[in-house]
PDB file of N, CA and C in Angstrom:
ATOM      1  N   MET A   1      11.679 -69.582 -14.524  1.00  0.00           N
ATOM      2  CA  MET A   1      11.458 -71.400 -14.859  1.00  0.00           C
ATOM      3  C   MET A   1      10.585 -71.362 -13.807  1.00  0.00           C
ATOM      4  N   THR A   2      11.439 -70.956 -12.470  1.00  0.00           N
ATOM      5  CA  THR A   2      11.540 -72.051 -10.608  1.00  0.00           C
ATOM      6  C   THR A   2       9.325 -71.061 -11.455  1.00  0.00           C
ATOM      7  N   ALA A   3       9.379 -69.775 -11.817  1.00  0.00           N
ATOM      8  CA  ALA A   3       8.407 -68.902 -11.273  1.00  0.00           C
ATOM      9  C   ALA A   3       7.230 -69.715 -12.123  1.00  0.00           C
ATOM     10  N   VAL A   4       7.545 -70.047 -13.844  1.00  0.00           N
ATOM     11  CA  VAL A   4       6.761 -70.522 -14.016  1.00  0.00           C
ATOM     12  C   VAL A   4       5.882 -72.234 -13.907  1.00  0.00           C
ATOM     13  N   VAL A   5       7.536 -72.800 -12.992  1.00  0.00           N
ATOM     14  CA  VAL A   5       6.742 -74.393 -12.901  1.00  0.00           C
ATOM     15  C   VAL A   5       5.807 -74.205 -11.167  1.00  0.00           C
ATOM     16  N   ILE A   6       5.855 -72.817 -10.901  1.00  0.00           N
ATOM     17  CA  ILE A   6       5.236 -72.677  -9.668  1.00  0.00           C
ATOM     18  C   ILE A   6       3.784 -72.288  -9.599  1.00  0.00           C
ATOM     19  N   GLY A   7       3.465 -71.469 -10.689  1.00  0.00           N
ATOM     20  CA  GLY A   7       2.232 -70.905 -11.851  1.00  0.00           C
ATOM     21  C   GLY A   7       2.025 -71.948 -11.984  1.00  0.00           C
ATOM     22  N   LEU A   8       2.242 -73.042 -12.662  1.00  0.00           N
ATOM     23  CA  LEU A   8       1.886 -73.914 -13.186  1.00  0.00           C
ATOM     24  C   LEU A   8       0.950 -74.873 -12.250  1.00  0.00           C
ATOM     25  N   LEU A   9       1.678 -75.581 -11.647  1.00  0.00           N
ATOM     26  CA  LEU A   9       1.936 -76.427  -9.942  1.00  0.00           C
ATOM     27  C   LEU A   9       0.080 -75.800  -8.865  1.00  0.00           C
ATOM     28  N   PHE A  10       0.503 -74.193  -9.232  1.00  0.00           N
ATOM     29  CA  PHE A  10      -0.847 -73.810  -8.168  1.00  0.00           C
ATOM     30  C   PHE A  10      -2.358 -73.383  -9.013  1.00  0.00           C
ATOM     31  N   LEU A  11      -2.558 -73.721 -10.975  1.00  0.00           N
ATOM     32  CA  LEU A  11      -3.117 -73.933 -11.680  1.00  0.00           C
ATOM     33  C   LEU A  11      -4.763 -74.524 -10.965  1.00  0.00           C
ATOM     34  N   PRO A  12      -3.700 -76.477 -10.446  1.00  0.00           N
ATOM     35  CA  PRO A  12      -5.130 -77.343  -9.800  1.00  0.00           C
ATOM     36  C   PRO A  12      -5.304 -76.866  -8.266  1.00  0.00           C
ATOM     37  N   PHE A  13      -5.108 -75.359  -7.421  1.00  0.00           N
ATOM     38  CA  PHE A  13      -5.257 -75.378  -6.648  1.00  0.00           C
ATOM     39  C   PHE A  13      -6.298 -74.128  -6.717  1.00  0.00           C
ATOM     40  N   MET A  14      -6.787 -73.811  -7.673  1.00  0.00           N
ATOM     41  CA  MET A  14      -7.597 -72.375  -8.012  1.00  0.00           C
ATOM     42  C   MET A  14      -8.759 -73.509  -7.990  1.00  0.00           C
ATOM     43  N   PHE A  15      -9.201 -74.291  -8.110  1.00  0.00           N
ATOM     44  CA  PHE A  15     -10.113 -75.225  -8.180  1.00  0.00           C
ATOM     45  C   PHE A  15     -10.487 -76.477  -7.599  1.00  0.00           C
ATOM     46  N   LEU A  16      -9.575 -76.452  -6.552  1.00  0.00           N
ATOM     47  CA  LEU A  16      -9.607 -77.467  -5.897  1.00  0.00           C
ATOM     48  C   LEU A  16      -9.205 -76.745  -3.771  1.00  0.00           C
ATOM     49  N   SER A  17      -9.304 -75.120  -4.304  1.00  0.00           N
ATOM     50  CA  SER A  17      -8.588 -74.661  -2.824  1.00  0.00           C
ATOM     51  C   SER A  17     -10.294 -74.860  -1.823  1.00  0.00           C
ATOM     52  N   PRO A  18     -11.654 -74.900  -2.258  1.00  0.00           N
ATOM     53  CA  PRO A  18     -12.780 -75.618  -1.554  1.00  0.00           C
ATOM     54  C   PRO A  18     -12.120 -76.651  -0.431  1.00  0.00           C
ATOM     55  N   LEU A  19     -11.249 -77.765  -1.412  1.00  0.00           N
ATOM     56  CA  LEU A  19     -11.221 -78.733  -0.855  1.00  0.00           C
ATOM     57  C   LEU A  19     -10.698 -79.171   0.364  1.00  0.00           C
ATOM     58  N   LEU A  20      -9.759 -77.909   0.350  1.00  0.00           N
ATOM     59  CA  LEU A  20      -8.159 -78.054   1.555  1.00  0.00           C
ATOM     60  C   LEU A  20      -9.200 -77.038   2.141  1.00  0.00           C
ATOM     61  N   SER A  21     -10.075 -76.390   2.685  1.00  0.00           N
ATOM     62  CA  SER A  21     -11.165 -75.433   3.788  1.00  0.00           C
ATOM     63  C   SER A  21     -11.735 -76.662   4.551  1.00  0.00           C
ATOM     64  N   LEU A  22     -11.588 -78.078   4.009  1.00  0.00           N
ATOM     65  CA  LEU A  22     -12.177 -78.846   5.061  1.00  0.00           C
ATOM     66  C   LEU A  22     -11.881 -79.973   5.545  1.00  0.00           C
ATOM     67  N   ILE A  23     -10.444 -79.635   5.601  1.00  0.00           N
ATOM     68  CA  ILE A  23      -9.049 -79.777   6.413  1.00  0.00           C
ATOM     69  C   ILE A  23      -9.427 -79.187   8.065  1.00  0.00           C
ATOM     70  N   PRO A  24      -9.874 -79.901   9.247  1.00  0.00           N
ATOM     71  CA  PRO A  24      -9.640 -78.177   9.776  1.00  0.00           C
ATOM     72  C   PRO A  24      -8.098 -78.298  10.563  1.00  0.00           C
ATOM     73  N   ALA A  25      -8.111 -76.812  10.676  1.00  0.00           N
ATOM     74  CA  ALA A  25      -7.289 -76.084  11.763  1.00  0.00           C
ATOM     75  C   ALA A  25      -5.856 -77.369  11.736  1.00  0.00           C
ATOM     76  N   ILE A  26      -6.523 -77.721  13.120  1.00  0.00           N
ATOM     77  CA  ILE A  26      -6.239 -78.428  14.348  1.00  0.00           C
ATOM     78  C   ILE A  26      -5.349 -79.658  13.445  1.00  0.00           C
ATOM     79  N   ALA A  27      -5.925 -80.078  12.845  1.00  0.00           N
ATOM     80  CA  ALA A  27      -5.077 -81.193  11.696  1.00  0.00           C
ATOM     81  C   ALA A  27      -4.125 -80.436  11.102  1.00  0.00           C
ATOM     82  N   THR A  28      -3.299 -79.505  10.551  1.00  0.00           N
ATOM     83  CA  THR A  28      -2.229 -78.941  10.360  1.00  0.00           C
ATOM     84  C   THR A  28      -1.853 -78.670  11.510  1.00  0.00           C
ATOM     85  N   ALA A  29      -1.879 -78.580  11.767  1.00  0.00           N
ATOM     86  CA  ALA A  29      -0.824 -77.999  13.539  1.00  0.00           C
ATOM     87  C   ALA A  29       0.415 -78.836  13.781  1.00  0.00           C
ATOM     88  N   PRO A  30       0.466 -80.006  13.896  1.00  0.00           N
ATOM     89  CA  PRO A  30       1.450 -81.081  13.754  1.00  0.00           C
ATOM     90  C   PRO A  30       2.700 -80.724  12.566  1.00  0.00           C
ATOM     91  N   VAL A  31       2.235 -80.789  11.307  1.00  0.00           N
ATOM     92  CA  VAL A  31       3.082 -80.317  10.051  1.00  0.00           C
ATOM     93  C   VAL A  31       3.304 -79.343  10.734  1.00  0.00           C
ATOM     94  N   LEU A  32       2.917 -78.556  10.556  1.00  0.00           N
ATOM     95  CA  LEU A  32       3.791 -77.096  10.740  1.00  0.00           C
ATOM     96  C   LEU A  32       4.723 -77.541  11.999  1.00  0.00           C
ATOM     97  N   VAL A  33       4.347 -77.644  13.342  1.00  0.00           N
ATOM     98  CA  VAL A  33       5.461 -78.031  13.543  1.00  0.00           C
ATOM     99  C   VAL A  33       6.970 -78.761  13.289  1.00  0.00           C
ATOM    100  N   LEU A  34       6.168 -79.472  12.918  1.00  0.00           N
ATOM    101  CA  LEU A  34       7.465 -80.556  12.725  1.00  0.00           C
ATOM    102  C   LEU A  34       8.876 -79.900  10.540  1.00  0.00           C
ATOM    103  N   VAL A  35       7.675 -78.499  10.178  1.00  0.00           N
ATOM    104  CA  VAL A  35       8.555 -77.970   9.458  1.00  0.00           C
ATOM    105  C   VAL A  35       9.110 -76.475  10.737  1.00  0.00           C
ATOM    106  N   GLY A  36       8.460 -76.707  11.411  1.00  0.00           N
ATOM    107  CA  GLY A  36       9.165 -75.333  12.358  1.00  0.00           C
ATOM    108  C   GLY A  36      10.573 -76.167  12.703  1.00  0.00           C
ATOM    109  N   VAL A  37      10.887 -77.688  13.177  1.00  0.00           N
ATOM    110  CA  VAL A  37      11.817 -78.164  13.424  1.00  0.00           C
ATOM    111  C   VAL A  37      12.783 -78.323  12.374  1.00  0.00           C
ATOM    112  N   PHE A  38      12.473 -78.089  10.885  1.00  0.00           N
ATOM    113  CA  PHE A  38      13.154 -78.505   9.808  1.00  0.00           C
ATOM    114  C   PHE A  38      14.058 -77.163   9.338  1.00  0.00           C
ATOM    115  N   MET A  39      13.259 -76.615   9.887  1.00  0.00           N
ATOM    116  CA  MET A  39      13.770 -74.876   9.925  1.00  0.00           C
ATOM    117  C   MET A  39      15.068 -74.473  10.129  1.00  0.00           C
ATOM    118  N   THR A  40      14.731 -75.507  11.893  1.00  0.00           N
ATOM    119  CA  THR A  40      15.562 -75.184  12.026  1.00  0.00           C
ATOM    120  C   THR A  40      17.371 -75.802  12.467  1.00  0.00           C
ATOM    121  N   GLN A  41      17.244 -76.899  11.800  1.00  0.00           N
ATOM    122  CA  GLN A  41      18.169 -77.817  11.461  1.00  0.00           C
ATOM    123  C   GLN A  41      19.272 -76.917  10.465  1.00  0.00           C
ATOM    124  N   PRO A  42      19.465 -75.370   9.885  1.00  0.00           N
ATOM    125  CA  PRO A  42      20.130 -74.568   9.355  1.00  0.00           C
ATOM    126  C   PRO A  42      20.983 -74.179  10.715  1.00  0.00           C
ATOM    127  N   LEU A  43      20.475 -73.856  11.489  1.00  0.00           N
ATOM    128  CA  LEU A  43      21.072 -73.503  12.762  1.00  0.00           C
ATOM    129  C   LEU A  43      22.569 -74.056  13.412  1.00  0.00           C
ATOM    130  N   MET A  44      22.372 -75.179  12.462  1.00  0.00           N
ATOM    131  CA  MET A  44      23.481 -75.786  13.531  1.00  0.00           C
ATOM    132  C   MET A  44      24.696 -75.081  12.314  1.00  0.00           C
ATOM    133  N   LYS A  45      24.987 -74.624  10.869  1.00  0.00           N
ATOM    134  CA  LYS A  45      25.998 -74.446  10.056  1.00  0.00           C
ATOM    135  C   LYS A  45      26.401 -72.436  10.642  1.00  0.00           C
ATOM    136  N   ILE A  46      25.562 -71.950  11.478  1.00  0.00           N
ATOM    137  CA  ILE A  46      26.156 -70.756  11.945  1.00  0.00           C
ATOM    138  C   ILE A  46      27.182 -71.267  12.999  1.00  0.00           C
ATOM    139  N   ASP A  47      27.926 -69.737  13.021  1.00  0.00           N
ATOM    140  CA  ASP A  47      29.064 -69.639  13.416  1.00  0.00           C
ATOM    141  C   ASP A  47      28.893 -68.886  14.657  1.00  0.00           C
ATOM    142  N   TRP A  48      28.367 -69.982  15.588  1.00  0.00           N
ATOM    143  CA  TRP A  48      28.457 -69.288  16.862  1.00  0.00           C
ATOM    144  C   TRP A  48      29.248 -68.145  17.504  1.00  0.00           C
ATOM    145  N   LYS A  49      30.479 -68.541  17.280  1.00  0.00           N
ATOM    146  CA  LYS A  49      31.718 -68.071  18.342  1.00  0.00           C
ATOM    147  C   LYS A  49      32.329 -66.489  17.605  1.00  0.00           C
ATOM    148  N   ASN A  50      31.640 -66.390  16.022  1.00  0.00           N
ATOM    149  CA  ASN A  50      31.306 -65.575  15.063  1.00  0.00           C
ATOM    150  C   ASN A  50      30.490 -64.578  15.203  1.00  0.00           C
ATOM    151  N   PHE A  51      31.099 -63.065  16.513  1.00  0.00           N
ATOM    152  CA  PHE A  51      30.052 -62.853  16.393  1.00  0.00           C
ATOM    153  C   PHE A  51      29.629 -61.583  15.355  1.00  0.00           C
ATOM    154  N   GLU A  52      30.318 -61.734  14.611  1.00  0.00           N
ATOM    155  CA  GLU A  52      29.750 -60.846  13.542  1.00  0.00           C
ATOM    156  C   GLU A  52      28.171 -61.694  12.540  1.00  0.00           C
ATOM    157  N   GLU A  53      28.591 -62.706  12.216  1.00  0.00           N
ATOM    158  CA  GLU A  53      27.854 -63.926  11.838  1.00  0.00           C
ATOM    159  C   GLU A  53      26.207 -63.891  12.937  1.00  0.00           C
ATOM    160  N   ALA A  54      26.505 -64.380  14.298  1.00  0.00           N
ATOM    161  CA  ALA A  54      25.464 -64.810  14.982  1.00  0.00           C
ATOM    162  C   ALA A  54      24.793 -63.661  15.168  1.00  0.00           C
ATOM    163  N   ILE A  55      25.146 -62.556  15.930  1.00  0.00           N
ATOM    164  CA  ILE A  55      24.331 -61.342  16.409  1.00  0.00           C
ATOM    165  C   ILE A  55      23.152 -61.075  14.937  1.00  0.00           C
ATOM    166  N   PRO A  56      23.407 -60.748  13.963  1.00  0.00           N
ATOM    167  CA  PRO A  56      22.360 -61.153  12.798  1.00  0.00           C
ATOM    168  C   PRO A  56      21.476 -61.892  12.949  1.00  0.00           C
ATOM    169  N   ALA A  57      22.487 -63.252  12.875  1.00  0.00           N
ATOM    170  CA  ALA A  57      21.671 -64.828  12.639  1.00  0.00           C
ATOM    171  C   ALA A  57      20.723 -64.566  13.706  1.00  0.00           C
ATOM    172  N   PHE A  58      21.107 -64.628  15.342  1.00  0.00           N
ATOM    173  CA  PHE A  58      20.217 -64.567  16.404  1.00  0.00           C
ATOM    174  C   PHE A  58      18.767 -63.741  16.587  1.00  0.00           C
ATOM    175  N   LEU A  59      19.255 -62.003  15.693  1.00  0.00           N
ATOM    176  CA  LEU A  59      18.011 -61.307  16.015  1.00  0.00           C
ATOM    177  C   LEU A  59      17.116 -62.033  15.019  1.00  0.00           C
ATOM    178  N   ALA A  60      17.485 -62.284  13.764  1.00  0.00           N
ATOM    179  CA  ALA A  60      16.638 -62.360  12.627  1.00  0.00           C
ATOM    180  C   ALA A  60      15.749 -64.032  12.812  1.00  0.00           C
ATOM    181  N   VAL A  61      16.463 -64.289  13.867  1.00  0.00           N
ATOM    182  CA  VAL A  61      15.567 -65.704  14.724  1.00  0.00           C
ATOM    183  C   VAL A  61      14.492 -65.768  15.359  1.00  0.00           C
ATOM    184  N   ILE A  62      14.689 -64.516  16.483  1.00  0.00           N
ATOM    185  CA  ILE A  62      14.751 -64.345  17.509  1.00  0.00           C
ATOM    186  C   ILE A  62      13.329 -63.611  17.414  1.00  0.00           C
ATOM    187  N   LEU A  63      13.005 -62.276  16.718  1.00  0.00           N
ATOM    188  CA  LEU A  63      12.200 -60.954  15.681  1.00  0.00           C
ATOM    189  C   LEU A  63      11.094 -61.867  15.061  1.00  0.00           C
ATOM    190  N   VAL A  64      11.087 -62.828  14.311  1.00  0.00           N
ATOM    191  CA  VAL A  64      10.521 -63.345  14.033  1.00  0.00           C
ATOM    192  C   VAL A  64       9.279 -63.240  14.194  1.00  0.00           C
ATOM    193  N   PRO A  65       9.343 -64.982  15.923  1.00  0.00           N
ATOM    194  CA  PRO A  65       8.135 -64.873  16.676  1.00  0.00           C
ATOM    195  C   PRO A  65       8.168 -64.236  17.891  1.00  0.00           C
ATOM    196  N   LEU A  66       8.590 -63.592  18.140  1.00  0.00           N
ATOM    197  CA  LEU A  66       8.174 -61.772  18.796  1.00  0.00           C
ATOM    198  C   LEU A  66       7.417 -61.099  18.432  1.00  0.00           C
ATOM    199  N   THR A  67       7.853 -60.997  16.841  1.00  0.00           N
ATOM    200  CA  THR A  67       7.758 -59.676  16.422  1.00  0.00           C
ATOM    201  C   THR A  67       6.119 -59.901  15.017  1.00  0.00           C
ATOM    202  N   TYR A  68       5.628 -61.641  15.273  1.00  0.00           N
ATOM    203  CA  TYR A  68       5.246 -62.484  14.346  1.00  0.00           C
ATOM    204  C   TYR A  68       5.070 -61.877  13.472  1.00  0.00           C
ATOM    205  N   SER A  69       6.442 -61.354  12.275  1.00  0.00           N
ATOM    206  CA  SER A  69       6.280 -61.219  11.174  1.00  0.00           C
ATOM    207  C   SER A  69       7.637 -61.352  10.956  1.00  0.00           C
ATOM    208  N   ILE A  70       8.045 -61.828   9.596  1.00  0.00           N
ATOM    209  CA  ILE A  70       9.455 -62.543   8.705  1.00  0.00           C
ATOM    210  C   ILE A  70       9.629 -61.212   8.446  1.00  0.00           C
ATOM    211  N   THR A  71       9.427 -60.492   7.804  1.00  0.00           N
ATOM    212  CA  THR A  71       9.326 -58.998   6.999  1.00  0.00           C
ATOM    213  C   THR A  71       9.886 -58.322   8.336  1.00  0.00           C
ATOM    214  N   GLN A  72       9.983 -58.578   9.628  1.00  0.00           N
ATOM    215  CA  GLN A  72      10.817 -57.383  10.893  1.00  0.00           C
ATOM    216  C   GLN A  72      12.617 -58.614  11.060  1.00  0.00           C
ATOM    217  N   GLY A  73      11.736 -60.158  11.692  1.00  0.00           N
ATOM    218  CA  GLY A  73      13.593 -60.139  11.387  1.00  0.00           C
ATOM    219  C   GLY A  73      14.003 -60.142  10.658  1.00  0.00           C
ATOM    220  N   ILE A  74      13.799 -60.637   8.944  1.00  0.00           N
ATOM    221  CA  ILE A  74      14.889 -60.045   8.720  1.00  0.00           C
ATOM    222  C   ILE A  74      15.358 -58.727   7.835  1.00  0.00           C
ATOM    223  N   ILE A  75      13.950 -57.872   7.929  1.00  0.00           N
ATOM    224  CA  ILE A  75      15.130 -56.093   7.670  1.00  0.00           C
ATOM    225  C   ILE A  75      15.878 -56.056   9.145  1.00  0.00           C
ATOM    226  N   TRP A  76      15.942 -56.788  10.532  1.00  0.00           N
ATOM    227  CA  TRP A  76      16.560 -56.145  11.420  1.00  0.00           C
ATOM    228  C   TRP A  76      17.910 -57.211  11.105  1.00  0.00           C
ATOM    229  N   GLY A  77      17.786 -58.443  10.813  1.00  0.00           N
ATOM    230  CA  GLY A  77      18.877 -59.299  10.900  1.00  0.00           C
ATOM    231  C   GLY A  77      20.049 -58.172   9.090  1.00  0.00           C
ATOM    232  N   PHE A  78      19.357 -57.997   8.333  1.00  0.00           N
ATOM    233  CA  PHE A  78      19.974 -57.264   7.362  1.00  0.00           C
ATOM    234  C   PHE A  78      20.500 -56.363   8.027  1.00  0.00           C
ATOM    235  N   LEU A  79      20.362 -54.968   8.473  1.00  0.00           N
ATOM    236  CA  LEU A  79      20.655 -53.900   9.794  1.00  0.00           C
ATOM    237  C   LEU A  79      21.340 -54.581  10.020  1.00  0.00           C
ATOM    238  N   THR A  80      21.356 -55.398  11.253  1.00  0.00           N
ATOM    239  CA  THR A  80      22.577 -55.557  11.895  1.00  0.00           C
ATOM    240  C   THR A  80      23.763 -55.728  11.456  1.00  0.00           C
ATOM    241  N   TYR A  81      24.046 -56.546  10.599  1.00  0.00           N
ATOM    242  CA  TYR A  81      25.092 -57.345   9.749  1.00  0.00           C
ATOM    243  C   TYR A  81      25.884 -55.957   9.530  1.00  0.00           C
ATOM    244  N   THR A  82      25.150 -55.050   8.465  1.00  0.00           N
ATOM    245  CA  THR A  82      25.900 -54.183   7.930  1.00  0.00           C
ATOM    246  C   THR A  82      26.238 -53.196   8.842  1.00  0.00           C
ATOM    247  N   ILE A  83      25.276 -52.932   9.758  1.00  0.00           N
ATOM    248  CA  ILE A  83      26.418 -52.025  11.191  1.00  0.00           C
ATOM    249  C   ILE A  83      27.403 -52.694  11.364  1.00  0.00           C
ATOM    250  N   ILE A  84      27.203 -53.678  12.000  1.00  0.00           N
ATOM    251  CA  ILE A  84      28.124 -54.596  12.323  1.00  0.00           C
ATOM    252  C   ILE A  84      29.609 -54.170  11.603  1.00  0.00           C
ATOM    253  N   LYS A  85      29.419 -55.118  10.193  1.00  0.00           N
ATOM    254  CA  LYS A  85      30.144 -54.369   9.510  1.00  0.00           C
ATOM    255  C   LYS A  85      31.501 -53.219   9.347  1.00  0.00           C
ATOM    256  N   VAL A  86      30.445 -52.289   9.151  1.00  0.00           N
ATOM    257  CA  VAL A  86      30.194 -50.742   9.333  1.00  0.00           C
ATOM    258  C   VAL A  86      31.430 -50.283  10.229  1.00  0.00           C
ATOM    259  N   PHE A  87      30.728 -50.462  11.498  1.00  0.00           N
ATOM    260  CA  PHE A  87      31.749 -50.232  12.927  1.00  0.00           C
ATOM    261  C   PHE A  87      32.954 -50.724  13.235  1.00  0.00           C
ATOM    262  N   LEU A  88      32.579 -52.245  12.896  1.00  0.00           N
ATOM    263  CA  LEU A  88      34.514 -52.982  12.371  1.00  0.00           C
ATOM    264  C   LEU A  88      35.495 -52.613  11.548  1.00  0.00           C
ATOM    265  N   GLY A  89      34.798 -51.392  10.640  1.00  0.00           N
ATOM    266  CA  GLY A  89      36.188 -51.347   9.331  1.00  0.00           C
ATOM    267  C   GLY A  89      35.460 -52.243   8.320  1.00  0.00           C
ATOM    268  N   LYS A  90      34.964 -52.887   8.247  1.00  0.00           N
ATOM    269  CA  LYS A  90      34.482 -53.758   7.190  1.00  0.00           C
ATOM    270  C   LYS A  90      33.674 -53.717   6.014  1.00  0.00           C
ATOM    271  N   GLY A  91      33.071 -52.535   6.247  1.00  0.00           N
ATOM    272  CA  GLY A  91      32.093 -51.987   5.417  1.00  0.00           C
ATOM    273  C   GLY A  91      32.611 -52.746   3.778  1.00  0.00           C
ATOM    274  N   ARG A  92      33.676 -52.229   3.011  1.00  0.00           N
ATOM    275  CA  ARG A  92      33.593 -53.061   2.037  1.00  0.00           C
ATOM    276  C   ARG A  92      33.694 -54.045   1.299  1.00  0.00           C
ATOM    277  N   GLU A  93      33.270 -55.298   3.261  1.00  0.00           N
ATOM    278  CA  GLU A  93      33.284 -56.740   2.919  1.00  0.00           C
ATOM    279  C   GLU A  93      31.568 -56.892   2.013  1.00  0.00           C
ATOM    280  N   VAL A  94      30.651 -55.734   2.854  1.00  0.00           N
ATOM    281  CA  VAL A  94      29.787 -55.725   2.278  1.00  0.00           C
ATOM    282  C   VAL A  94      29.132 -55.779   1.238  1.00  0.00           C
ATOM    283  N   HIS A  95      28.266 -56.442   0.248  1.00  0.00           N
ATOM    284  CA  HIS A  95      27.861 -56.653  -0.795  1.00  0.00           C
ATOM    285  C   HIS A  95      26.784 -55.273  -1.098  1.00  0.00           C
ATOM    286  N   TRP A  96      27.507 -54.653  -2.493  1.00  0.00           N
ATOM    287  CA  TRP A  96      26.821 -52.551  -2.285  1.00  0.00           C
ATOM    288  C   TRP A  96      25.216 -52.796  -2.953  1.00  0.00           C
ATOM    289  N   MET A  97      24.714 -54.762  -3.102  1.00  0.00           N
ATOM    290  CA  MET A  97      23.617 -54.901  -3.125  1.00  0.00           C
ATOM    291  C   MET A  97      22.399 -54.615  -1.454  1.00  0.00           C
ATOM    292  N   LEU A  98      23.663 -54.865  -0.780  1.00  0.00           N
ATOM    293  CA  LEU A  98      22.838 -55.402   0.157  1.00  0.00           C
ATOM    294  C   LEU A  98      22.507 -53.490   1.280  1.00  0.00           C
ATOM    295  N   TYR A  99      23.836 -52.711   0.846  1.00  0.00           N
ATOM    296  CA  TYR A  99      23.517 -51.357   1.312  1.00  0.00           C
ATOM    297  C   TYR A  99      22.164 -50.829   0.712  1.00  0.00           C
ATOM    298  N   ILE A 100      21.210 -51.319  -0.769  1.00  0.00           N
ATOM    299  CA  ILE A 100      20.576 -50.516  -1.565  1.00  0.00           C
ATOM    300  C   ILE A 100      19.327 -51.458  -0.500  1.00  0.00           C
ATOM    301  N   ILE A 101      19.094 -52.358  -0.225  1.00  0.00           N
ATOM    302  CA  ILE A 101      18.113 -53.148   0.643  1.00  0.00           C
ATOM    303  C   ILE A 101      18.243 -53.002   2.407  1.00  0.00           C
ATOM    304  N   ASP A 102      19.311 -51.983   2.015  1.00  0.00           N
ATOM    305  CA  ASP A 102      19.434 -51.643   4.382  1.00  0.00           C
ATOM    306  C   ASP A 102      18.124 -50.529   3.721  1.00  0.00           C
ATOM    307  N   ALA A 103      18.605 -49.447   2.715  1.00  0.00           N
ATOM    308  CA  ALA A 103      18.483 -48.137   2.432  1.00  0.00           C
ATOM    309  C   ALA A 103      16.655 -48.242   1.796  1.00  0.00           C
ATOM    310  N   PHE A 104      15.597 -49.518   1.671  1.00  0.00           N
ATOM    311  CA  PHE A 104      14.432 -49.938   1.636  1.00  0.00           C
ATOM    312  C   PHE A 104      13.817 -50.052   3.149  1.00  0.00           C
ATOM    313  N   ALA A 105      14.636 -50.988   3.815  1.00  0.00           N
ATOM    314  CA  ALA A 105      14.358 -51.874   4.890  1.00  0.00           C
ATOM    315  C   ALA A 105      14.060 -50.505   5.783  1.00  0.00           C
ATOM    316  N   ILE A 106      15.019 -49.611   6.101  1.00  0.00           N
ATOM    317  CA  ILE A 106      15.021 -48.174   6.490  1.00  0.00           C
ATOM    318  C   ILE A 106      13.555 -47.778   6.232  1.00  0.00           C
ATOM    319  N   LEU A 107      13.438 -47.150   4.570  1.00  0.00           N
ATOM    320  CA  LEU A 107      12.327 -47.403   4.095  1.00  0.00           C
ATOM    321  C   LEU A 107      10.782 -47.172   4.900  1.00  0.00           C
ATOM    322  N   SER A 108      11.050 -48.883   5.128  1.00  0.00           N
ATOM    323  CA  SER A 108       9.737 -49.664   5.387  1.00  0.00           C
ATOM    324  C   SER A 108       9.437 -49.305   7.222  1.00  0.00           C
ATOM    325  N   LEU A 109      10.526 -49.328   7.491  1.00  0.00           N
ATOM    326  CA  LEU A 109      10.778 -49.078   8.883  1.00  0.00           C
ATOM    327  C   LEU A 109       9.800 -47.525   8.898  1.00  0.00           C
ATOM    328  N   VAL A 110      10.400 -46.672   8.610  1.00  0.00           N
ATOM    329  CA  VAL A 110       9.813 -44.831   8.724  1.00  0.00           C
ATOM    330  C   VAL A 110       8.840 -44.620   8.075  1.00  0.00           C
ATOM    331  N   ALA A 111       8.159 -45.245   7.380  1.00  0.00           N
ATOM    332  CA  ALA A 111       7.340 -45.098   6.368  1.00  0.00           C
ATOM    333  C   ALA A 111       5.914 -44.948   7.501  1.00  0.00           C
ATOM    334  N   PRO A 112       5.846 -45.807   8.065  1.00  0.00           N
ATOM    335  CA  PRO A 112       4.568 -45.899   8.985  1.00  0.00           C
ATOM    336  C   PRO A 112       4.780 -44.535  10.381  1.00  0.00           C
ATOM    337  N   LEU A 113       5.504 -44.249  10.264  1.00  0.00           N
ATOM    338  CA  LEU A 113       5.834 -43.057  10.956  1.00  0.00           C
ATOM    339  C   LEU A 113       5.526 -41.813  10.362  1.00  0.00           C
ATOM    340  N   LEU A 114       5.605 -41.618   9.469  1.00  0.00           N
ATOM    341  CA  LEU A 114       5.579 -40.599   8.629  1.00  0.00           C
ATOM    342  C   LEU A 114       3.777 -39.919   8.686  1.00  0.00           C
TER     343      LEU A 114
END
């Protein structure tokens, strides 16, 4: 349902996109900074004293701007979460789907090297 609504909302912009190009990039910069500030609010909800959650969250947050890639931040956040849980003997707490996601993440990291 969400995809249908979003698709319908994007339909008018297929025709209005030339109008959006009239807005200079410098005019959108303050809005992007504001969005970034709003995106930092969930960081307060992270239990920073629990390193099992803090290290993967920190890596995900810090690697996005350092690598210029949201994908890299998410991949390394997922991988470190799983690795920490497995090394602490809590591998059963990790959902089986995260192991599948980690396998695809490792594949995406290794594939460019092949």
